[in-house]
Amino acid sequence: MRTVKEQLEIDFVVVNRPLTKEEEKLISEYISAQKKKKGARKKTSS
């Protein structure tokens, strides 16, 4: 493995900020929906 001696070009910067309550709720709902889909797929494929 080689070491990079030059600094790489940066295309974007990520800002680490806390999630709002609305964002937390949306993420939670999405995860729940994905788990339900995954569970439904397992039941039908057996």
C-alpha atoms as a PDB file:
ATOM      1  CA  MET A   1       0.000   0.000   0.000  1.00  0.00           C
ATOM      2  CA  ARG A   2       1.361   3.405  -0.857  1.00  0.00           C
ATOM      3  CA  THR A   3       1.002   6.699   0.941  1.00  0.00           C
ATOM      4  CA  VAL A   4      -0.596   9.715  -0.710  1.00  0.00           C
ATOM      5  CA  LYS A   5       1.849  12.594  -0.545  1.00  0.00           C
ATOM      6  CA  GLU A   6      -0.367  15.214  -2.161  1.00  0.00           C
ATOM      7  CA  GLN A   7      -3.566  16.516  -0.663  1.00  0.00           C
ATOM      8  CA  LEU A   8      -6.604  15.229  -2.550  1.00  0.00           C
ATOM      9  CA  GLU A   9      -9.120  17.608  -4.080  1.00  0.00           C
ATOM     10  CA  ILE A  10     -12.246  17.925  -1.933  1.00  0.00           C
ATOM     11  CA  ASP A  11     -15.575  17.883  -3.770  1.00  0.00           C
ATOM     12  CA  PHE A  12     -17.806  18.415  -0.754  1.00  0.00           C
ATOM     13  CA  VAL A  13     -17.740  19.091   2.962  1.00  0.00           C
ATOM     14  CA  VAL A  14     -19.935  17.204   5.430  1.00  0.00           C
ATOM     15  CA  VAL A  15     -21.357  19.253   8.268  1.00  0.00           C
ATOM     16  CA  ASN A  16     -21.977  17.187  11.377  1.00  0.00           C
ATOM     17  CA  ARG A  17     -25.143  18.621  12.913  1.00  0.00           C
ATOM     18  CA  PRO A  18     -27.768  17.093  15.177  1.00  0.00           C
ATOM     19  CA  LEU A  19     -30.973  15.832  13.587  1.00  0.00           C
ATOM     20  CA  THR A  20     -34.217  17.682  14.143  1.00  0.00           C
ATOM     21  CA  LYS A  21     -37.151  15.829  15.718  1.00  0.00           C
ATOM     22  CA  GLU A  22     -38.882  15.788  12.322  1.00  0.00           C
ATOM     23  CA  GLU A  23     -35.830  14.241  10.641  1.00  0.00           C
ATOM     24  CA  GLU A  24     -35.573  11.619  13.403  1.00  0.00           C
ATOM     25  CA  LYS A  25     -39.246  10.756  12.917  1.00  0.00           C
ATOM     26  CA  LEU A  26     -38.881  10.431   9.126  1.00  0.00           C
ATOM     27  CA  ILE A  27     -35.843   8.178   9.470  1.00  0.00           C
ATOM     28  CA  SER A  28     -37.587   6.035  12.078  1.00  0.00           C
ATOM     29  CA  GLU A  29     -40.662   5.632   9.847  1.00  0.00           C
ATOM     30  CA  TYR A  30     -38.488   4.693   6.875  1.00  0.00           C
ATOM     31  CA  ILE A  31     -36.593   2.059   8.880  1.00  0.00           C
ATOM     32  CA  SER A  32     -39.862   0.601  10.190  1.00  0.00           C
ATOM     33  CA  ALA A  33     -41.281   0.394   6.673  1.00  0.00           C
ATOM     34  CA  GLN A  34     -38.138  -1.348   5.391  1.00  0.00           C
ATOM     35  CA  LYS A  35     -38.291  -3.899   8.226  1.00  0.00           C
ATOM     36  CA  LYS A  36     -41.946  -4.624   7.411  1.00  0.00           C
ATOM     37  CA  LYS A  37     -41.092  -5.140   3.727  1.00  0.00           C
ATOM     38  CA  LYS A  38     -38.212  -7.444   4.626  1.00  0.00           C
ATOM     39  CA  GLY A  39     -40.424  -9.451   6.981  1.00  0.00           C
ATOM     40  CA  ALA A  40     -43.158  -9.784   4.344  1.00  0.00           C
ATOM     41  CA  ARG A  41     -40.635 -11.022   1.784  1.00  0.00           C
ATOM     42  CA  LYS A  42     -39.338 -13.728   4.116  1.00  0.00           C
ATOM     43  CA  LYS A  43     -42.847 -15.025   4.829  1.00  0.00           C
ATOM     44  CA  THR A  44     -43.869 -15.273   1.171  1.00  0.00           C
ATOM     45  CA  SER A  45     -40.635 -16.910  -0.035  1.00  0.00           C
ATOM     46  CA  SER A  46     -40.882 -19.877   2.382  1.00  0.00           C
END
